[in-house]
Amino acid sequence: MKKVIICLLIVVSASQYSCKKFLDITPIDKLTGNNFYKSTDDIEANITDMYGQLFDKYTRTAFAGATGEFRSGEVVPAVQGGEGRYGSARLGGHTRIAPNPNGNTEKQSIPLTSVNDRTLLEAVQRGRPWEGYRFWDLTIWNEYYKVIQAANILVSKLEEGIPALNEQQTKRYIAEAKFIRCFCYFTMVRLYGDVIYYTKAFQKDPLPRENMVSVINKCIADLKPNYKDLPLNFTDPSMRGVRATQGAGIGLLMNMNMWNAGFDLPNRSAYWTETAILGEEIMTSGAFRLLPLTEWATVAKGRSEESLFELFRTLNYNNDLNNPFEQAYAYSPFGDAFIHFPYKQPEYTHRYSFNVMTEEYMKKLYPDASDQRLTVWFVAPFDQNPETFQLRKFALNTFIDANRPDLDLNPDNTYLIMRYSDAILLRAEALANLGGANEEEAISALNVVRLRGGASLYPADGDTNLKDAIFWERAKELMGEGSRYFDLVRTRRVLSKQYTDNPLTSDKFNRGGWTWPIDQSALINNPYMTLNNYWIGTGL
């Protein structure tokens, strides 16, 4: 027993010394020491833990909303004030009016994540009326580095060799660990720009932030040789979307290439070409399909045949409904702010939506009134009255617990991260950007998504620009899935009022106004670390 204790102390001491608390990361105890990585069960537990940490990080705040429509300015709060039941909300230089019979709440403050008038800096402050949304969590990156460190350790152990695994298993787990690692880096790049990049199991020396284009290129080089070692798909339906497959790897590679195409302009044609090739691969694989729109509830529920990657959630298994933190999940789903009875219970406390989409934005998305997504995903889509407007895209699996009317529960849906339609439209965008003879294929890919949505095929009335048509199709198809603002940034459309209610000037864009602030905790024990200058001081 004494020998065992001594060995454990040596392992823990060595781990702490080699890390020097770089990035304030402490290795998870079950991931350290050679006595853990012995069996398939050990590896499975390790990987499951990493996915669990990502789920916890994502659901601590309204990630999809804050990085999508909230920040781009298309969300209007229902407020009370002025005369009678009507009040005004000042957003991005515009006064918007929406009726609200029940008064103001923190759930009507979510548009504060816009860039204009320092409101994003206000949004990430603690102790404010909207504190339930925990927007400050978006400024903290340490949890991503904990997952990255876990992935780095696992890759290192797998490359050393684990006797209990055969060659195929070893390759698959290496590929999955690299997918998780690259997903973390890609998420951070889109939030913060330049980040610290490392892949050593135990990084003992502090590092500076690295140019984001370089980081993404390293991630592409890291994942591309390995993604085909992932399963094409899972025969077990319970595993679809929740564990990395070749489709998830392709989707991530496509997104990373398209991000770099927006910033590494001299090489953008190469990124577009690679995206188009990957898109063709996934579309011809037969591993994924777009479900009929009448089966959208299956997609929103999770683990469907069009899910490339998701952070799976179900109220039946994931949550302890008596835990206040678990109840706080009411703030994290995008749809929470846009639904009321009968999709939220009980009726007497859920008679109106807290926010609505602007009528102008909805008309830009849906110039074709025959688009079936209007009727499947919305109630009163062009109405800014919160007593009638509902975005039920994420509300079709209604959770009703007659015994717990005190809980503010959302419909039982998953957190969609990448879907098949995302990959199809990225391919269409890449082909359209390449131009020439590629445009015919781009139109064909675009129409695959339009056909499923019941929309008029391209070219239809109002379609005057193929690239814009694809951009608006992504905004429409992926609403509430966390891609909107990132699409605006990487395509530079965020500079134009034509595409967003919260445009940036070129100066603000170049100074990093599209990023999120980084919490001061990132400076701990790293003399080379710097924060995002745009959010420091008063020079916004």
Protein backbone atom coordinates (compact mmCIF):
# COMPACT_ATOMS: atom_id res chain seq x y z
CA MET A 1 0.00 0.00 0.00
CA LYS A 2 2.86 2.40 0.84
CA LYS A 3 4.42 1.75 -2.57
CA VAL A 4 1.12 2.53 -4.29
CA ILE A 5 0.75 5.81 -2.39
CA ILE A 6 4.34 6.82 -3.19
CA CYS A 7 3.83 6.08 -6.90
CA LEU A 8 0.65 8.12 -7.00
CA LEU A 9 2.38 11.05 -5.32
CA ILE A 10 5.19 10.90 -7.88
CA VAL A 11 2.71 10.89 -10.77
CA VAL A 12 0.74 13.83 -9.37
CA SER A 13 3.90 15.81 -8.57
CA ALA A 14 5.34 15.24 -12.02
CA SER A 15 2.09 16.31 -13.65
CA GLN A 16 1.93 19.51 -11.64
CA TYR A 17 5.56 20.35 -12.29
CA SER A 18 5.40 19.75 -16.02
CA CYS A 19 2.31 21.96 -16.39
CA LYS A 20 3.49 24.78 -14.11
CA LYS A 21 -0.22 25.68 -14.01
CA PHE A 22 0.18 26.96 -17.57
CA LEU A 23 -3.20 28.38 -18.60
CA ASP A 24 -4.31 27.49 -15.07
CA ILE A 25 -5.10 23.95 -16.25
CA THR A 26 -5.17 21.10 -13.77
CA PRO A 27 -5.22 17.62 -15.32
CA ILE A 28 -8.31 15.60 -14.52
CA ASP A 29 -7.16 13.02 -11.99
CA LYS A 30 -8.46 10.04 -13.93
CA LEU A 31 -6.53 11.13 -17.02
CA THR A 32 -3.11 11.13 -15.34
CA GLY A 33 -0.85 8.17 -14.71
CA ASN A 34 -0.17 5.12 -16.82
CA ASN A 35 -2.52 2.96 -14.77
CA PHE A 36 -5.63 4.45 -16.38
CA TYR A 37 -5.16 3.82 -20.12
CA LYS A 38 -5.41 0.05 -20.04
CA SER A 39 -8.68 -0.97 -21.68
CA THR A 40 -11.33 0.04 -24.17
CA ASP A 41 -13.56 0.97 -21.23
CA ASP A 42 -10.88 3.40 -20.02
CA ILE A 43 -10.70 5.12 -23.40
CA GLU A 44 -14.47 5.25 -23.73
CA ALA A 45 -14.78 6.80 -20.27
CA ASN A 46 -12.09 9.34 -21.16
CA ILE A 47 -13.78 10.40 -24.41
CA THR A 48 -17.24 10.46 -22.85
CA ASP A 49 -15.88 12.78 -20.18
CA MET A 50 -14.53 15.15 -22.85
CA TYR A 51 -17.90 15.33 -24.61
CA GLY A 52 -19.52 15.88 -21.23
CA GLN A 53 -17.24 18.83 -20.49
CA LEU A 54 -18.09 20.36 -23.87
CA PHE A 55 -21.79 19.91 -23.13
CA ASP A 56 -21.42 21.59 -19.74
CA LYS A 57 -19.52 24.51 -21.27
CA TYR A 58 -22.01 25.00 -24.11
CA THR A 59 -25.08 24.88 -21.89
CA ARG A 60 -23.87 27.34 -19.27
CA THR A 61 -25.08 30.18 -21.45
CA ALA A 62 -27.21 30.80 -24.53
CA PHE A 63 -24.27 30.02 -26.81
CA ALA A 64 -26.16 29.62 -30.09
CA GLY A 65 -28.15 32.79 -29.54
CA ALA A 66 -25.27 34.93 -28.33
CA THR A 67 -23.08 33.88 -31.26
CA GLY A 68 -25.90 34.11 -33.80
CA GLU A 69 -29.02 36.23 -34.12
CA PHE A 70 -28.71 37.98 -30.74
CA ARG A 71 -25.42 39.58 -31.69
CA SER A 72 -26.27 40.30 -35.31
CA GLY A 73 -29.23 42.38 -34.17
CA GLU A 74 -32.32 40.62 -35.49
CA VAL A 75 -33.83 39.97 -32.06
CA VAL A 76 -36.27 42.49 -30.63
CA PRO A 77 -37.14 42.44 -26.92
CA ALA A 78 -40.75 42.70 -25.84
CA VAL A 79 -40.68 45.57 -23.35
CA GLN A 80 -43.19 47.53 -21.32
CA GLY A 81 -43.17 51.25 -20.87
CA GLY A 82 -44.49 54.47 -22.34
CA GLU A 83 -48.23 54.43 -22.88
CA GLY A 84 -50.32 51.41 -22.07
CA ARG A 85 -48.90 48.03 -23.01
CA TYR A 86 -46.32 49.28 -25.50
CA GLY A 87 -42.72 50.26 -24.96
CA SER A 88 -39.59 50.88 -26.96
CA ALA A 89 -36.23 49.12 -27.08
CA ARG A 90 -33.15 50.96 -28.24
CA LEU A 91 -31.03 48.61 -30.34
CA GLY A 92 -28.26 49.42 -32.78
CA GLY A 93 -29.47 52.97 -33.33
CA HIS A 94 -33.09 51.98 -33.94
CA THR A 95 -36.15 52.19 -31.75
CA ARG A 96 -38.24 49.06 -31.98
CA ILE A 97 -41.73 48.61 -30.59
CA ALA A 98 -43.20 45.36 -29.31
CA PRO A 99 -46.14 44.77 -26.97
CA ASN A 100 -45.62 43.00 -23.69
CA PRO A 101 -48.51 42.58 -21.28
CA ASN A 102 -46.43 41.21 -18.42
CA GLY A 103 -43.55 43.68 -18.05
CA ASN A 104 -39.79 43.45 -18.50
CA THR A 105 -37.69 40.44 -17.48
CA GLU A 106 -34.06 39.38 -17.81
CA LYS A 107 -35.07 37.22 -20.75
CA GLN A 108 -35.87 40.38 -22.68
CA SER A 109 -32.33 41.67 -22.22
CA ILE A 110 -30.62 39.20 -24.53
CA PRO A 111 -30.21 41.70 -27.41
CA LEU A 112 -27.60 43.39 -25.21
CA THR A 113 -25.10 41.01 -26.79
CA SER A 114 -24.96 43.35 -29.78
CA VAL A 115 -21.74 45.22 -30.48
CA ASN A 116 -23.17 48.72 -30.63
CA ASP A 117 -22.96 51.22 -27.75
CA ARG A 118 -20.78 48.99 -25.57
CA THR A 119 -23.70 46.72 -24.90
CA LEU A 120 -21.64 43.56 -25.27
CA LEU A 121 -19.35 44.74 -22.47
CA GLU A 122 -22.46 45.31 -20.37
CA ALA A 123 -23.82 41.88 -21.28
CA VAL A 124 -20.77 40.04 -19.89
CA GLN A 125 -20.88 41.84 -16.54
CA ARG A 126 -22.00 39.88 -13.51
CA GLY A 127 -24.76 40.99 -11.20
CA ARG A 128 -26.90 42.52 -13.92
CA PRO A 129 -30.64 41.90 -14.55
CA TRP A 130 -29.83 39.35 -17.26
CA GLU A 131 -27.40 37.38 -15.07
CA GLY A 132 -29.31 34.15 -15.62
CA TYR A 133 -27.89 33.97 -19.13
CA ARG A 134 -24.29 33.91 -17.79
CA PHE A 135 -22.95 35.71 -20.87
CA TRP A 136 -19.66 36.20 -19.05
CA ASP A 137 -18.99 32.49 -19.52
CA LEU A 138 -18.36 33.20 -23.20
CA THR A 139 -15.27 35.19 -22.19
CA ILE A 140 -13.68 32.28 -20.31
CA TRP A 141 -11.65 29.82 -22.36
CA ASN A 142 -10.04 27.66 -19.66
CA GLU A 143 -12.61 24.87 -19.99
CA TYR A 144 -11.72 24.44 -23.66
CA TYR A 145 -8.08 24.04 -22.73
CA LYS A 146 -8.96 21.41 -20.15
CA VAL A 147 -10.63 19.39 -22.91
CA ILE A 148 -7.68 20.05 -25.24
CA GLN A 149 -5.24 18.84 -22.60
CA ALA A 150 -7.29 15.69 -22.08
CA ALA A 151 -7.28 15.09 -25.85
CA ASN A 152 -3.53 15.72 -26.03
CA ILE A 153 -2.86 13.18 -23.27
CA LEU A 154 -5.10 10.60 -24.93
CA VAL A 155 -3.47 11.02 -28.35
CA SER A 156 -0.05 10.66 -26.72
CA LYS A 157 -1.02 7.45 -24.91
CA LEU A 158 -2.63 5.98 -28.01
CA GLU A 159 0.43 6.75 -30.14
CA GLU A 160 2.63 5.10 -27.52
CA GLY A 161 0.45 2.02 -27.86
CA ILE A 162 -2.19 0.45 -25.63
CA PRO A 163 -1.97 -3.37 -25.77
CA ALA A 164 -5.70 -3.87 -25.20
CA LEU A 165 -6.54 -2.05 -28.46
CA ASN A 166 -6.07 -3.38 -31.97
CA GLU A 167 -4.74 -1.16 -34.77
CA GLN A 168 -8.17 -0.19 -36.05
CA GLN A 169 -9.39 0.82 -32.58
CA THR A 170 -6.23 2.82 -31.95
CA LYS A 171 -6.63 4.75 -35.20
CA ARG A 172 -10.30 5.44 -34.54
CA TYR A 173 -9.68 6.80 -31.04
CA ILE A 174 -6.77 8.96 -32.23
CA ALA A 175 -9.05 10.42 -34.90
CA GLU A 176 -11.83 11.06 -32.37
CA ALA A 177 -9.48 12.74 -29.90
CA LYS A 178 -8.12 14.93 -32.70
CA PHE A 179 -11.65 15.84 -33.78
CA ILE A 180 -12.46 16.98 -30.23
CA ARG A 181 -9.18 18.92 -30.03
CA CYS A 182 -9.75 20.66 -33.36
CA PHE A 183 -13.38 21.40 -32.50
CA CYS A 184 -12.22 23.21 -29.35
CA TYR A 185 -9.62 25.25 -31.21
CA PHE A 186 -12.08 26.16 -33.97
CA THR A 187 -14.68 27.24 -31.41
CA MET A 188 -12.13 29.44 -29.65
CA VAL A 189 -10.82 30.99 -32.88
CA ARG A 190 -14.33 32.05 -33.88
CA LEU A 191 -14.88 33.57 -30.44
CA TYR A 192 -11.52 35.16 -29.70
CA GLY A 193 -9.43 35.29 -32.89
CA ASP A 194 -5.81 34.40 -32.10
CA VAL A 195 -5.42 31.66 -29.47
CA ILE A 196 -2.68 29.65 -27.81
CA TYR A 197 -2.04 26.42 -29.72
CA TYR A 198 -0.31 23.33 -28.42
CA THR A 199 -0.65 19.56 -28.79
CA LYS A 200 1.87 18.25 -26.26
CA ALA A 201 0.47 15.99 -23.57
CA PHE A 202 1.98 18.19 -20.86
CA GLN A 203 2.95 21.66 -22.06
CA LYS A 204 5.36 22.96 -19.42
CA ASP A 205 6.34 26.31 -20.95
CA PRO A 206 3.95 29.24 -21.42
CA LEU A 207 3.16 30.23 -24.99
CA PRO A 208 1.90 33.39 -26.68
CA ARG A 209 -1.25 33.59 -28.76
CA GLU A 210 -0.81 32.41 -32.34
CA ASN A 211 -2.32 33.90 -35.48
CA MET A 212 -5.71 32.29 -35.97
CA VAL A 213 -5.13 31.42 -39.65
CA SER A 214 -2.03 29.49 -38.60
CA VAL A 215 -3.97 27.74 -35.83
CA ILE A 216 -6.74 26.66 -38.21
CA ASN A 217 -4.21 25.44 -40.78
CA LYS A 218 -2.54 23.35 -38.08
CA CYS A 219 -5.94 21.95 -37.09
CA ILE A 220 -6.69 21.06 -40.72
CA ALA A 221 -3.31 19.34 -40.99
CA ASP A 222 -4.01 17.55 -37.70
CA LEU A 223 -7.45 16.21 -38.60
CA LYS A 224 -7.32 15.64 -42.35
CA PRO A 225 -5.01 12.57 -42.33
CA ASN A 226 -7.14 10.89 -39.65
CA TYR A 227 -10.83 11.63 -40.20
CA LYS A 228 -11.33 8.60 -42.44
CA ASP A 229 -10.33 6.40 -39.49
CA LEU A 230 -13.62 7.44 -37.89
CA PRO A 231 -16.70 5.29 -38.58
CA LEU A 232 -18.67 6.35 -41.65
CA ASN A 233 -21.73 6.24 -39.44
CA PHE A 234 -23.07 4.35 -36.45
CA THR A 235 -25.47 1.46 -36.83
CA ASP A 236 -26.66 2.19 -33.29
CA PRO A 237 -29.14 5.11 -33.63
CA SER A 238 -28.34 6.25 -30.07
CA MET A 239 -24.81 7.14 -31.22
CA ARG A 240 -25.75 9.25 -34.27
CA GLY A 241 -24.43 12.76 -34.07
CA VAL A 242 -23.24 12.46 -30.48
CA ARG A 243 -19.94 10.75 -31.34
CA ALA A 244 -17.59 11.80 -34.11
CA THR A 245 -18.01 10.14 -37.49
CA GLN A 246 -16.43 10.81 -40.87
CA GLY A 247 -19.33 13.19 -41.48
CA ALA A 248 -18.47 15.17 -38.35
CA GLY A 249 -14.83 15.29 -39.43
CA ILE A 250 -15.77 16.46 -42.92
CA GLY A 251 -18.17 19.07 -41.54
CA LEU A 252 -15.49 20.47 -39.23
CA LEU A 253 -12.87 20.49 -41.99
CA MET A 254 -15.28 22.32 -44.31
CA ASN A 255 -16.07 24.93 -41.68
CA MET A 256 -12.40 25.46 -40.88
CA ASN A 257 -11.49 25.86 -44.55
CA MET A 258 -14.28 28.36 -45.13
CA TRP A 259 -13.25 30.34 -42.05
CA ASN A 260 -9.69 30.68 -43.31
CA ALA A 261 -10.93 31.57 -46.79
CA GLY A 262 -12.38 34.71 -45.23
CA PHE A 263 -9.09 35.81 -43.66
CA ASP A 264 -6.27 34.24 -45.69
CA LEU A 265 -7.30 35.98 -48.90
CA PRO A 266 -4.27 35.08 -51.09
CA ASN A 267 -5.05 31.38 -50.56
CA ARG A 268 -8.83 31.49 -50.50
CA SER A 269 -9.26 29.61 -53.79
CA ALA A 270 -7.41 26.64 -52.29
CA TYR A 271 -9.72 26.66 -49.26
CA TRP A 272 -12.79 26.86 -51.49
CA THR A 273 -11.53 23.99 -53.64
CA GLU A 274 -10.89 21.82 -50.59
CA THR A 275 -14.34 22.63 -49.20
CA ALA A 276 -16.00 21.70 -52.49
CA ILE A 277 -14.14 18.37 -52.60
CA LEU A 278 -15.09 17.53 -49.02
CA GLY A 279 -18.68 18.55 -49.69
CA GLU A 280 -18.89 16.22 -52.66
CA GLU A 281 -17.48 13.42 -50.52
CA ILE A 282 -20.14 13.74 -47.85
CA MET A 283 -22.97 14.20 -50.37
CA THR A 284 -22.00 11.05 -52.27
CA SER A 285 -21.29 8.97 -49.16
CA GLY A 286 -24.94 8.07 -48.60
CA ALA A 287 -24.33 8.25 -44.85
CA PHE A 288 -26.56 11.27 -44.24
CA ARG A 289 -29.84 12.62 -45.56
CA LEU A 290 -32.19 15.56 -45.07
CA LEU A 291 -35.37 14.33 -43.44
CA PRO A 292 -38.71 15.53 -44.82
CA LEU A 293 -39.76 18.77 -43.18
CA THR A 294 -42.76 16.94 -41.73
CA GLU A 295 -40.22 15.01 -39.62
CA TRP A 296 -38.42 18.09 -38.32
CA ALA A 297 -39.31 17.17 -34.73
CA THR A 298 -37.05 14.13 -35.15
CA VAL A 299 -34.15 16.38 -36.19
CA ALA A 300 -34.69 18.75 -33.26
CA LYS A 301 -34.98 15.82 -30.87
CA GLY A 302 -31.48 14.74 -31.84
CA ARG A 303 -29.53 11.74 -33.17
CA SER A 304 -31.20 11.99 -36.58
CA GLU A 305 -29.79 11.01 -39.96
CA GLU A 306 -28.97 14.63 -40.77
CA SER A 307 -27.00 15.31 -37.59
CA LEU A 308 -23.26 15.56 -38.20
CA PHE A 309 -22.46 16.60 -34.63
CA GLU A 310 -24.54 17.67 -31.67
CA LEU A 311 -24.34 17.99 -27.92
CA PHE A 312 -27.15 15.66 -27.06
CA ARG A 313 -29.69 16.68 -24.47
CA THR A 314 -32.81 14.99 -23.24
CA LEU A 315 -34.81 15.87 -20.16
CA ASN A 316 -35.48 12.18 -19.62
CA TYR A 317 -31.86 11.32 -18.84
CA ASN A 318 -29.53 14.33 -18.63
CA ASN A 319 -31.13 16.53 -16.02
CA ASP A 320 -31.94 16.48 -12.35
CA LEU A 321 -35.03 18.65 -12.36
CA ASN A 322 -34.61 19.45 -8.67
CA ASN A 323 -31.14 20.90 -9.24
CA PRO A 324 -31.21 24.71 -9.67
CA PHE A 325 -28.31 24.53 -12.14
CA GLU A 326 -30.14 21.95 -14.21
CA GLN A 327 -33.24 24.17 -14.18
CA ALA A 328 -31.04 26.95 -15.56
CA TYR A 329 -30.95 25.04 -18.85
CA ALA A 330 -34.07 27.07 -19.59
CA TYR A 331 -31.69 29.88 -20.56
CA SER A 332 -29.43 27.93 -22.90
CA PRO A 333 -31.71 26.69 -25.72
CA PHE A 334 -32.12 29.31 -28.44
CA GLY A 335 -35.85 28.75 -28.69
CA ASP A 336 -36.57 29.60 -25.06
CA ALA A 337 -36.84 33.33 -25.77
CA PHE A 338 -39.32 32.91 -28.62
CA ILE A 339 -42.01 30.50 -27.41
CA HIS A 340 -44.90 30.46 -24.99
CA PHE A 341 -47.93 28.29 -24.26
CA PRO A 342 -48.63 25.60 -25.45
CA TYR A 343 -44.92 24.93 -25.95
CA LYS A 344 -44.07 26.25 -22.47
CA GLN A 345 -45.94 25.26 -19.34
CA PRO A 346 -47.89 26.33 -17.33
CA GLU A 347 -50.09 28.68 -19.34
CA TYR A 348 -50.55 31.36 -16.68
CA THR A 349 -46.81 32.17 -16.61
CA HIS A 350 -46.09 31.63 -20.31
CA ARG A 351 -48.61 33.66 -22.27
CA TYR A 352 -46.18 35.56 -24.49
CA SER A 353 -42.73 35.26 -26.04
CA PHE A 354 -40.02 37.33 -24.41
CA ASN A 355 -38.51 38.32 -27.77
CA VAL A 356 -39.42 38.34 -31.45
CA MET A 357 -37.58 38.54 -34.76
CA THR A 358 -37.76 41.82 -36.64
CA GLU A 359 -40.30 41.91 -39.41
CA GLU A 360 -37.69 43.33 -41.79
CA TYR A 361 -35.34 40.41 -41.18
CA MET A 362 -38.06 37.80 -41.59
CA LYS A 363 -39.05 39.30 -44.94
CA LYS A 364 -35.42 39.17 -46.09
CA LEU A 365 -35.25 35.50 -45.17
CA TYR A 366 -38.63 34.58 -46.61
CA PRO A 367 -39.39 36.52 -49.79
CA ASP A 368 -41.13 33.32 -50.90
CA ALA A 369 -44.29 32.98 -48.81
CA SER A 370 -44.75 29.39 -50.02
CA ASP A 371 -41.64 28.23 -48.16
CA GLN A 372 -42.92 25.45 -45.91
CA ARG A 373 -40.44 26.31 -43.15
CA LEU A 374 -42.62 29.33 -42.42
CA THR A 375 -45.47 27.14 -41.26
CA VAL A 376 -43.43 24.33 -39.67
CA TRP A 377 -40.95 26.53 -37.80
CA PHE A 378 -43.07 29.59 -36.97
CA VAL A 379 -46.38 30.87 -35.70
CA ALA A 380 -47.18 34.36 -37.00
CA PRO A 381 -43.66 34.76 -38.48
CA PHE A 382 -44.06 38.37 -39.63
CA ASP A 383 -45.85 39.53 -36.50
CA GLN A 384 -43.86 41.35 -33.81
CA ASN A 385 -46.62 40.80 -31.26
CA PRO A 386 -45.10 38.44 -28.63
CA GLU A 387 -48.54 37.07 -27.81
CA THR A 388 -48.76 35.58 -31.30
CA PHE A 389 -45.19 35.25 -32.64
CA GLN A 390 -43.46 31.95 -31.91
CA LEU A 391 -40.32 30.32 -33.27
CA ARG A 392 -41.24 26.69 -32.86
CA LYS A 393 -38.27 25.29 -34.78
CA PHE A 394 -37.01 24.03 -31.41
CA ALA A 395 -40.41 23.54 -29.79
CA LEU A 396 -41.97 20.52 -31.44
CA ASN A 397 -41.01 18.01 -28.73
CA THR A 398 -42.97 19.62 -25.95
CA PHE A 399 -42.09 18.53 -22.43
CA ILE A 400 -45.06 18.55 -20.10
CA ASP A 401 -44.82 17.60 -16.45
CA ALA A 402 -48.18 18.18 -14.88
CA ASN A 403 -46.67 17.44 -11.48
CA ARG A 404 -44.02 20.18 -11.76
CA PRO A 405 -45.68 23.42 -12.93
CA ASP A 406 -42.98 25.33 -11.03
CA LEU A 407 -40.25 24.35 -13.50
CA ASP A 408 -39.46 26.57 -16.48
CA LEU A 409 -38.80 23.70 -18.86
CA ASN A 410 -38.17 23.94 -22.58
CA PRO A 411 -39.22 21.38 -25.17
CA ASP A 412 -37.04 18.28 -25.17
CA ASN A 413 -34.58 19.08 -27.96
CA THR A 414 -30.85 18.60 -28.51
CA TYR A 415 -28.16 21.23 -29.19
CA LEU A 416 -27.48 21.07 -32.93
CA ILE A 417 -23.88 22.00 -33.82
CA MET A 418 -23.39 20.76 -37.40
CA ARG A 419 -26.08 19.38 -39.70
CA TYR A 420 -25.98 17.90 -43.18
CA SER A 421 -27.59 21.05 -44.62
CA ASP A 422 -24.69 23.08 -43.21
CA ALA A 423 -22.23 20.99 -45.23
CA ILE A 424 -24.38 21.14 -48.37
CA LEU A 425 -24.62 24.92 -48.23
CA LEU A 426 -20.90 25.33 -47.49
CA ARG A 427 -20.20 23.31 -50.61
CA ALA A 428 -22.61 25.50 -52.58
CA GLU A 429 -20.89 28.62 -51.24
CA ALA A 430 -17.40 27.34 -52.09
CA LEU A 431 -18.46 26.41 -55.64
CA ALA A 432 -20.16 29.78 -56.17
CA ASN A 433 -17.00 31.55 -55.04
CA LEU A 434 -14.90 29.49 -57.44
CA GLY A 435 -17.26 30.67 -60.20
CA GLY A 436 -17.37 29.72 -63.85
CA ALA A 437 -18.52 26.19 -64.56
CA ASN A 438 -18.78 25.52 -60.82
CA GLU A 439 -21.87 27.71 -60.51
CA GLU A 440 -24.14 25.05 -61.95
CA GLU A 441 -23.09 22.62 -59.21
CA ALA A 442 -23.49 25.38 -56.63
CA ILE A 443 -27.08 25.95 -57.74
CA SER A 444 -27.76 22.22 -57.60
CA ALA A 445 -26.48 22.02 -54.01
CA LEU A 446 -28.45 25.10 -52.99
CA ASN A 447 -31.61 23.62 -54.42
CA VAL A 448 -31.18 20.40 -52.42
CA VAL A 449 -31.83 22.45 -49.27
CA ARG A 450 -34.52 24.60 -50.87
CA LEU A 451 -36.35 21.52 -52.11
CA ARG A 452 -36.48 20.00 -48.63
CA GLY A 453 -37.72 23.34 -47.27
CA GLY A 454 -40.50 23.55 -49.82
CA ALA A 455 -39.10 26.80 -51.20
CA SER A 456 -38.96 27.92 -54.83
CA LEU A 457 -35.85 26.59 -56.52
CA TYR A 458 -33.08 28.92 -57.62
CA PRO A 459 -33.38 31.09 -59.59
CA ALA A 460 -36.69 32.35 -58.23
CA ASP A 461 -38.23 35.81 -57.99
CA GLY A 462 -35.79 38.09 -56.20
CA ASP A 463 -32.75 35.86 -56.81
CA THR A 464 -30.31 38.22 -58.48
CA ASN A 465 -27.06 37.07 -56.91
CA LEU A 466 -26.12 33.41 -56.35
CA LYS A 467 -23.65 34.12 -53.53
CA ASP A 468 -26.21 36.21 -51.68
CA ALA A 469 -28.89 33.56 -52.24
CA ILE A 470 -26.65 30.96 -50.57
CA PHE A 471 -25.83 33.33 -47.71
CA TRP A 472 -29.51 34.03 -46.99
CA GLU A 473 -30.35 30.34 -47.31
CA ARG A 474 -27.80 29.57 -44.59
CA ALA A 475 -29.27 32.32 -42.40
CA LYS A 476 -32.73 30.84 -42.90
CA GLU A 477 -31.93 27.14 -42.68
CA LEU A 478 -29.52 27.41 -39.74
CA MET A 479 -31.42 29.99 -37.68
CA GLY A 480 -30.79 29.47 -33.99
CA GLU A 481 -27.95 26.99 -34.52
CA GLY A 482 -25.14 29.44 -33.81
CA SER A 483 -23.75 30.14 -37.27
CA ARG A 484 -25.31 33.49 -38.24
CA TYR A 485 -22.77 35.95 -36.82
CA PHE A 486 -19.82 33.74 -37.71
CA ASP A 487 -21.06 33.67 -41.33
CA LEU A 488 -21.31 37.46 -41.31
CA VAL A 489 -17.74 37.75 -40.01
CA ARG A 490 -15.99 35.28 -42.30
CA THR A 491 -17.72 36.65 -45.43
CA ARG A 492 -17.18 40.30 -44.33
CA ARG A 493 -20.89 40.91 -44.76
CA VAL A 494 -20.84 42.15 -41.17
CA LEU A 495 -19.55 45.42 -42.67
CA SER A 496 -22.83 46.09 -44.45
CA LYS A 497 -26.21 47.19 -43.14
CA GLN A 498 -27.70 45.20 -46.01
CA TYR A 499 -26.93 41.96 -44.17
CA THR A 500 -27.06 42.79 -40.45
CA ASP A 501 -28.76 45.24 -38.13
CA ASN A 502 -25.47 45.63 -36.22
CA PRO A 503 -22.78 46.27 -38.85
CA LEU A 504 -19.16 46.98 -37.98
CA THR A 505 -17.01 49.65 -39.56
CA SER A 506 -13.87 48.44 -41.34
CA ASP A 507 -11.80 49.97 -38.56
CA LYS A 508 -13.69 48.12 -35.83
CA PHE A 509 -13.56 44.89 -37.79
CA ASN A 510 -9.80 45.12 -38.31
CA ARG A 511 -9.28 45.86 -34.62
CA GLY A 512 -11.20 42.75 -33.61
CA GLY A 513 -14.62 44.19 -32.90
CA TRP A 514 -16.14 40.90 -34.08
CA THR A 515 -14.46 38.93 -31.27
CA TRP A 516 -15.55 38.39 -27.69
CA PRO A 517 -13.59 39.79 -24.74
CA ILE A 518 -11.24 37.34 -23.00
CA ASP A 519 -11.51 37.03 -19.24
CA GLN A 520 -8.59 38.27 -17.13
CA SER A 521 -8.06 34.73 -15.80
CA ALA A 522 -6.33 33.87 -19.07
CA LEU A 523 -3.37 36.01 -17.95
CA ILE A 524 -2.59 33.86 -14.91
CA ASN A 525 0.92 32.38 -14.97
CA ASN A 526 1.50 33.28 -18.61
CA PRO A 527 3.68 36.37 -19.19
CA TYR A 528 3.20 36.04 -22.96
CA MET A 529 -0.60 36.18 -22.89
CA THR A 530 -2.49 39.25 -24.11
CA LEU A 531 -6.19 40.06 -24.13
CA ASN A 532 -8.26 41.35 -27.05
CA ASN A 533 -7.27 45.01 -27.27
CA TYR A 534 -10.55 46.09 -28.83
CA TRP A 535 -12.37 45.39 -25.57
CA ILE A 536 -9.78 47.09 -23.33
CA GLY A 537 -10.03 50.75 -22.38
CA THR A 538 -12.40 53.25 -23.93
CA GLY A 539 -11.46 53.24 -27.59
CA LEU A 540 -14.41 51.32 -28.97
